[in-house]
C-alpha atoms as a PDB file:
ATOM      1  CA  MET A   1      44.563  -3.917 -26.129  1.00  0.00           C
ATOM      2  CA  GLY A   2      45.320  -0.131 -24.931  1.00  0.00           C
ATOM      3  CA  THR A   3      43.905   2.949 -25.415  1.00  0.00           C
ATOM      4  CA  ILE A   4      44.552   5.258 -28.831  1.00  0.00           C
ATOM      5  CA  LYS A   5      44.195   8.633 -28.546  1.00  0.00           C
ATOM      6  CA  ALA A   6      43.527  10.848 -31.421  1.00  0.00           C
ATOM      7  CA  THR A   7      42.327  14.383 -32.067  1.00  0.00           C
ATOM      8  CA  ASN A   8      40.702  12.925 -35.233  1.00  0.00           C
ATOM      9  CA  ILE A   9      39.813   9.860 -37.037  1.00  0.00           C
ATOM     10  CA  GLU A  10      39.691   9.946 -41.152  1.00  0.00           C
ATOM     11  CA  PRO A  11      39.081   6.864 -43.391  1.00  0.00           C
ATOM     12  CA  ILE A  12      41.771   6.573 -45.845  1.00  0.00           C
ATOM     13  CA  ALA A  13      39.888   7.648 -49.302  1.00  0.00           C
ATOM     14  CA  ASP A  14      38.071  11.146 -49.264  1.00  0.00           C
ATOM     15  CA  ASN A  15      34.336  10.395 -48.370  1.00  0.00           C
ATOM     16  CA  GLY A  16      34.794   6.923 -47.171  1.00  0.00           C
ATOM     17  CA  THR A  17      33.621   4.993 -44.171  1.00  0.00           C
ATOM     18  CA  VAL A  18      35.169   4.685 -40.418  1.00  0.00           C
ATOM     19  CA  THR A  19      33.808   1.569 -38.479  1.00  0.00           C
ATOM     20  CA  LEU A  20      34.006   1.167 -35.231  1.00  0.00           C
ATOM     21  CA  GLY A  21      33.865  -2.355 -33.687  1.00  0.00           C
ATOM     22  CA  SER A  22      32.273  -5.175 -35.702  1.00  0.00           C
ATOM     23  CA  SER A  23      28.555  -6.626 -34.935  1.00  0.00           C
ATOM     24  CA  GLY A  24      27.456  -7.702 -31.675  1.00  0.00           C
ATOM     25  CA  ASP A  25      30.436  -5.513 -30.418  1.00  0.00           C
ATOM     26  CA  THR A  26      29.278  -2.722 -27.510  1.00  0.00           C
ATOM     27  CA  ILE A  27      31.487   0.645 -27.679  1.00  0.00           C
ATOM     28  CA  THR A  28      30.942   2.498 -24.099  1.00  0.00           C
ATOM     29  CA  ILE A  29      30.119   6.614 -24.166  1.00  0.00           C
ATOM     30  CA  PRO A  30      31.701   7.387 -20.602  1.00  0.00           C
ATOM     31  CA  SER A  31      29.367   9.453 -18.505  1.00  0.00           C
ATOM     32  CA  GLY A  32      30.158  12.898 -18.813  1.00  0.00           C
ATOM     33  CA  VAL A  33      30.693  12.649 -22.658  1.00  0.00           C
ATOM     34  CA  THR A  34      29.280  15.310 -25.075  1.00  0.00           C
ATOM     35  CA  MET A  35      28.497  14.050 -28.509  1.00  0.00           C
ATOM     36  CA  VAL A  36      28.216  16.695 -31.319  1.00  0.00           C
ATOM     37  CA  ASN A  37      26.513  15.924 -34.376  1.00  0.00           C
ATOM     38  CA  ASN A  38      27.628  18.146 -37.239  1.00  0.00           C
ATOM     39  CA  GLY A  39      26.225  16.126 -39.945  1.00  0.00           C
ATOM     40  CA  THR A  40      23.802  13.886 -41.122  1.00  0.00           C
ATOM     41  CA  GLN A  41      22.744  11.072 -38.127  1.00  0.00           C
ATOM     42  CA  THR A  42      21.184   7.683 -39.146  1.00  0.00           C
ATOM     43  CA  GLY A  43      20.422   5.005 -36.692  1.00  0.00           C
ATOM     44  CA  PHE A  44      19.849   6.248 -33.978  1.00  0.00           C
ATOM     45  CA  GLY A  45      16.746   6.923 -31.696  1.00  0.00           C
ATOM     46  CA  GLY A  46      13.359   5.686 -33.574  1.00  0.00           C
ATOM     47  CA  THR A  47      10.150   7.058 -34.554  1.00  0.00           C
ATOM     48  CA  ASN A  48       6.864   7.700 -33.355  1.00  0.00           C
ATOM     49  CA  THR A  49       5.039   5.346 -35.156  1.00  0.00           C
ATOM     50  CA  PRO A  50       2.392   3.758 -35.263  1.00  0.00           C
ATOM     51  CA  ALA A  51       0.955   7.607 -35.317  1.00  0.00           C
ATOM     52  CA  PHE A  52      -2.769   8.834 -36.208  1.00  0.00           C
ATOM     53  CA  ARG A  53      -5.234  11.585 -35.944  1.00  0.00           C
ATOM     54  CA  ALA A  54      -9.117  11.254 -36.632  1.00  0.00           C
ATOM     55  CA  ARG A  55     -11.609  13.873 -36.049  1.00  0.00           C
ATOM     56  CA  LEU A  56     -15.655  13.782 -36.280  1.00  0.00           C
ATOM     57  CA  SER A  57     -16.827  14.323 -39.529  1.00  0.00           C
ATOM     58  CA  ALA A  58     -20.131  15.563 -38.834  1.00  0.00           C
ATOM     59  CA  ASP A  59     -21.997  16.901 -35.552  1.00  0.00           C
ATOM     60  CA  PHE A  60     -22.443  14.076 -33.311  1.00  0.00           C
ATOM     61  CA  VAL A  61     -25.613  13.403 -31.372  1.00  0.00           C
ATOM     62  CA  HIS A  62     -24.961  11.268 -28.339  1.00  0.00           C
ATOM     63  CA  ASN A  63     -28.787  10.994 -27.639  1.00  0.00           C
ATOM     64  CA  SER A  64     -28.147   8.307 -24.264  1.00  0.00           C
ATOM     65  CA  ASN A  65     -27.952  10.323 -20.902  1.00  0.00           C
ATOM     66  CA  ASN A  66     -26.234   8.853 -18.655  1.00  0.00           C
ATOM     67  CA  THR A  67     -24.468   6.130 -20.555  1.00  0.00           C
ATOM     68  CA  PHE A  68     -21.236   5.624 -21.793  1.00  0.00           C
ATOM     69  CA  LEU A  69     -21.603   5.734 -26.274  1.00  0.00           C
ATOM     70  CA  LYS A  70     -18.586   5.008 -28.355  1.00  0.00           C
ATOM     71  CA  VAL A  71     -17.456   8.434 -30.426  1.00  0.00           C
ATOM     72  CA  PRO A  72     -17.206   7.865 -34.356  1.00  0.00           C
ATOM     73  CA  PHE A  73     -14.000  10.078 -34.940  1.00  0.00           C
ATOM     74  CA  ALA A  74     -14.561   8.792 -38.689  1.00  0.00           C
ATOM     75  CA  THR A  75     -12.482  11.487 -40.444  1.00  0.00           C
ATOM     76  CA  GLU A  76      -8.285  10.369 -40.944  1.00  0.00           C
ATOM     77  CA  ASP A  77      -5.669  13.491 -40.477  1.00  0.00           C
ATOM     78  CA  TYR A  78      -3.548  11.061 -40.595  1.00  0.00           C
ATOM     79  CA  ASP A  79      -2.602   6.834 -39.668  1.00  0.00           C
ATOM     80  CA  THR A  80       1.210   5.910 -40.446  1.00  0.00           C
ATOM     81  CA  ASP A  81       0.324   2.059 -40.254  1.00  0.00           C
ATOM     82  CA  ASN A  82      -2.914   2.133 -41.290  1.00  0.00           C
ATOM     83  CA  ALA A  83      -3.743   0.885 -37.724  1.00  0.00           C
ATOM     84  CA  TYR A  84      -6.889   2.993 -37.191  1.00  0.00           C
ATOM     85  CA  ASP A  85     -10.314   2.014 -38.343  1.00  0.00           C
ATOM     86  CA  SER A  86     -12.097   5.062 -39.234  1.00  0.00           C
ATOM     87  CA  THR A  87     -15.131   3.179 -41.188  1.00  0.00           C
ATOM     88  CA  THR A  88     -16.888   0.992 -38.840  1.00  0.00           C
ATOM     89  CA  ASN A  89     -15.398   0.657 -35.253  1.00  0.00           C
ATOM     90  CA  TYR A  90     -13.573   3.364 -34.616  1.00  0.00           C
ATOM     91  CA  ARG A  91     -10.523   1.848 -33.035  1.00  0.00           C
ATOM     92  CA  PHE A  92      -6.848   2.001 -32.991  1.00  0.00           C
ATOM     93  CA  THR A  93      -5.550  -1.816 -32.719  1.00  0.00           C
ATOM     94  CA  VAL A  94      -1.779  -2.421 -31.886  1.00  0.00           C
ATOM     95  CA  PRO A  95      -0.284  -3.393 -35.136  1.00  0.00           C
ATOM     96  CA  SER A  96       2.325  -6.618 -34.951  1.00  0.00           C
ATOM     97  CA  GLY A  97       5.835  -5.553 -33.947  1.00  0.00           C
ATOM     98  CA  LYS A  98       4.440  -2.605 -32.843  1.00  0.00           C
ATOM     99  CA  ALA A  99       3.817  -3.531 -28.842  1.00  0.00           C
ATOM    100  CA  GLY A 100       4.988  -0.723 -26.491  1.00  0.00           C
ATOM    101  CA  LYS A 101       4.192   2.547 -24.628  1.00  0.00           C
ATOM    102  CA  TYR A 102       1.135   5.146 -25.936  1.00  0.00           C
ATOM    103  CA  PHE A 103       0.116   8.311 -25.895  1.00  0.00           C
ATOM    104  CA  ILE A 104      -3.111   8.505 -26.264  1.00  0.00           C
ATOM    105  CA  ASN A 105      -4.957  12.268 -26.536  1.00  0.00           C
ATOM    106  CA  ALA A 106      -8.432  12.816 -27.329  1.00  0.00           C
ATOM    107  CA  PHE A 107     -10.918  16.369 -27.341  1.00  0.00           C
ATOM    108  CA  LEU A 108     -14.806  16.835 -27.614  1.00  0.00           C
ATOM    109  CA  ARG A 109     -16.587  19.938 -27.513  1.00  0.00           C
ATOM    110  CA  ALA A 110     -20.349  20.484 -26.929  1.00  0.00           C
ATOM    111  CA  ASN A 111     -22.434  23.372 -27.030  1.00  0.00           C
ATOM    112  CA  TYR A 112     -24.095  22.771 -23.606  1.00  0.00           C
ATOM    113  CA  ASN A 113     -23.152  22.781 -19.851  1.00  0.00           C
ATOM    114  CA  CYS A 114     -23.551  19.859 -18.330  1.00  0.00           C
ATOM    115  CA  PRO A 115     -21.233  17.528 -16.648  1.00  0.00           C
ATOM    116  CA  LEU A 116     -19.544  15.441 -19.703  1.00  0.00           C
ATOM    117  CA  ASN A 117     -16.781  12.533 -19.489  1.00  0.00           C
ATOM    118  CA  ILE A 118     -14.228  11.252 -22.204  1.00  0.00           C
ATOM    119  CA  ALA A 119     -13.645   7.678 -21.391  1.00  0.00           C
ATOM    120  CA  ILE A 120     -10.937   5.614 -23.020  1.00  0.00           C
ATOM    121  CA  TYR A 121     -11.699   1.592 -23.711  1.00  0.00           C
ATOM    122  CA  LYS A 122      -9.169  -0.945 -23.895  1.00  0.00           C
ATOM    123  CA  ASN A 123      -9.823  -4.088 -25.233  1.00  0.00           C
ATOM    124  CA  GLY A 124     -13.566  -2.930 -24.952  1.00  0.00           C
ATOM    125  CA  SER A 125     -13.017  -2.550 -21.057  1.00  0.00           C
ATOM    126  CA  LEU A 126     -13.074   1.129 -19.501  1.00  0.00           C
ATOM    127  CA  THR A 127      -9.788   2.010 -18.576  1.00  0.00           C
ATOM    128  CA  TYR A 128      -9.797   5.717 -17.777  1.00  0.00           C
ATOM    129  CA  VAL A 129     -11.926   8.580 -17.592  1.00  0.00           C
ATOM    130  CA  SER A 130     -11.879  12.263 -17.975  1.00  0.00           C
ATOM    131  CA  ASP A 131     -13.567  14.158 -15.012  1.00  0.00           C
ATOM    132  CA  ALA A 132     -16.884  15.089 -15.367  1.00  0.00           C
ATOM    133  CA  GLY A 133     -17.110  18.741 -14.735  1.00  0.00           C
ATOM    134  CA  THR A 134     -18.960  21.940 -16.612  1.00  0.00           C
ATOM    135  CA  ASN A 135     -17.660  25.161 -17.363  1.00  0.00           C
ATOM    136  CA  GLY A 136     -19.022  27.287 -14.928  1.00  0.00           C
ATOM    137  CA  SER A 137     -22.840  29.120 -14.507  1.00  0.00           C
ATOM    138  CA  GLY A 138     -23.729  31.182 -17.778  1.00  0.00           C
ATOM    139  CA  LEU A 139     -21.032  29.139 -19.764  1.00  0.00           C
ATOM    140  CA  THR A 140     -22.710  27.786 -22.734  1.00  0.00           C
ATOM    141  CA  ALA A 141     -20.045  25.030 -23.506  1.00  0.00           C
ATOM    142  CA  VAL A 142     -17.633  22.105 -22.182  1.00  0.00           C
ATOM    143  CA  SER A 143     -14.641  21.183 -24.091  1.00  0.00           C
ATOM    144  CA  PRO A 144     -13.315  18.166 -22.032  1.00  0.00           C
ATOM    145  CA  GLN A 145      -9.713  16.580 -22.774  1.00  0.00           C
ATOM    146  CA  ILE A 146      -8.494  13.419 -21.773  1.00  0.00           C
ATOM    147  CA  THR A 147      -4.782  12.207 -22.434  1.00  0.00           C
ATOM    148  CA  THR A 148      -2.380   9.688 -20.398  1.00  0.00           C
ATOM    149  CA  THR A 149       0.337   6.773 -21.632  1.00  0.00           C
ATOM    150  CA  MET A 150      -0.495   3.204 -21.411  1.00  0.00           C
ATOM    151  CA  ASN A 151       1.569  -0.317 -22.393  1.00  0.00           C
ATOM    152  CA  LEU A 152      -0.135  -1.727 -25.016  1.00  0.00           C
ATOM    153  CA  SER A 153       0.313  -5.302 -26.528  1.00  0.00           C
ATOM    154  CA  VAL A 154      -0.052  -6.306 -29.568  1.00  0.00           C
ATOM    155  CA  SER A 155      -3.728  -6.619 -30.821  1.00  0.00           C
ATOM    156  CA  ASP A 156      -4.655  -4.496 -27.796  1.00  0.00           C
ATOM    157  CA  TYR A 157      -7.101  -1.691 -29.234  1.00  0.00           C
ATOM    158  CA  ILE A 158      -8.507   1.601 -27.626  1.00  0.00           C
ATOM    159  CA  GLU A 159     -11.459   3.616 -28.262  1.00  0.00           C
ATOM    160  CA  ILE A 160     -12.558   6.531 -26.958  1.00  0.00           C
ATOM    161  CA  TYR A 161     -16.347   6.801 -25.504  1.00  0.00           C
ATOM    162  CA  ALA A 162     -18.520  10.102 -24.009  1.00  0.00           C
ATOM    163  CA  PHE A 163     -20.899   9.718 -21.261  1.00  0.00           C
ATOM    164  CA  GLN A 164     -22.845  12.751 -20.808  1.00  0.00           C
ATOM    165  CA  GLN A 165     -25.389  13.973 -18.215  1.00  0.00           C
ATOM    166  CA  SER A 166     -27.688  16.482 -19.788  1.00  0.00           C
ATOM    167  CA  GLY A 167     -30.890  15.193 -18.973  1.00  0.00           C
ATOM    168  CA  GLY A 168     -31.673  13.991 -23.056  1.00  0.00           C
ATOM    169  CA  SER A 169     -29.634  14.256 -25.991  1.00  0.00           C
ATOM    170  CA  LEU A 170     -26.086  16.457 -26.463  1.00  0.00           C
ATOM    171  CA  THR A 171     -24.466  17.216 -30.032  1.00  0.00           C
ATOM    172  CA  PHE A 172     -20.950  17.027 -30.310  1.00  0.00           C
ATOM    173  CA  TYR A 173     -20.079  19.919 -32.734  1.00  0.00           C
ATOM    174  CA  ASN A 174     -17.487  19.960 -35.972  1.00  0.00           C
ATOM    175  CA  ASN A 175     -17.884  23.297 -36.474  1.00  0.00           C
ATOM    176  CA  SER A 176     -16.326  26.488 -36.175  1.00  0.00           C
ATOM    177  CA  GLY A 177     -12.393  25.231 -36.691  1.00  0.00           C
ATOM    178  CA  VAL A 178     -12.687  23.305 -33.592  1.00  0.00           C
ATOM    179  CA  TYR A 179     -12.548  19.357 -34.234  1.00  0.00           C
ATOM    180  CA  PRO A 180     -13.124  17.319 -31.521  1.00  0.00           C
ATOM    181  CA  TRP A 181     -10.005  14.349 -31.715  1.00  0.00           C
ATOM    182  CA  PHE A 182      -8.723  11.304 -30.792  1.00  0.00           C
ATOM    183  CA  GLU A 183      -4.682  10.766 -31.574  1.00  0.00           C
ATOM    184  CA  MET A 184      -2.212   8.714 -30.670  1.00  0.00           C
ATOM    185  CA  PHE A 185       1.312   7.626 -31.067  1.00  0.00           C
ATOM    186  CA  LYS A 186       3.569   5.387 -29.547  1.00  0.00           C
ATOM    187  CA  LEU A 187       6.556   6.221 -27.680  1.00  0.00           C
ATOM    188  CA  VAL A 188      10.317   5.754 -28.633  1.00  0.00           C
ATOM    189  CA  GLU A 189      12.026   3.724 -26.203  1.00  0.00           C
END
């Protein structure tokens, strides 16, 4: 069949449907073509789910100097697929059918100036760790953050650990509107 040229294509009945092609067909939109949507768009793209955000529900004391310790982010702000365990394991587990690339972000705050790292553990193993810098002399707080993307398979799980070098115990504070957090979401591919 040849080329059909038209200015407008409208359904025969008012508020009807225009269908281009059949199931299994491919409709190609050439490079350089601009598509303008002035109506409701459905069936395009995707959603960034599963997604969750959890934070500390109280101050957390890390009492193991020079040791990685899991951070108990126990208060969920949202969890679209019930994939984050905020009661015992404090981990996100990739649900069935949701493998892919994920955005991961975590933040901590301690009112003590010492080297402090945030670490991402995948399936129980250290995978990424933040820089261990301090906030400089005279400052009384350190607030490290870690952000990355990872390819994850179904049943992979992600946890956040902290490593501190205060010489003793260190408290992560959940006050003054500064809530340490752990969040993830699936990237649309």
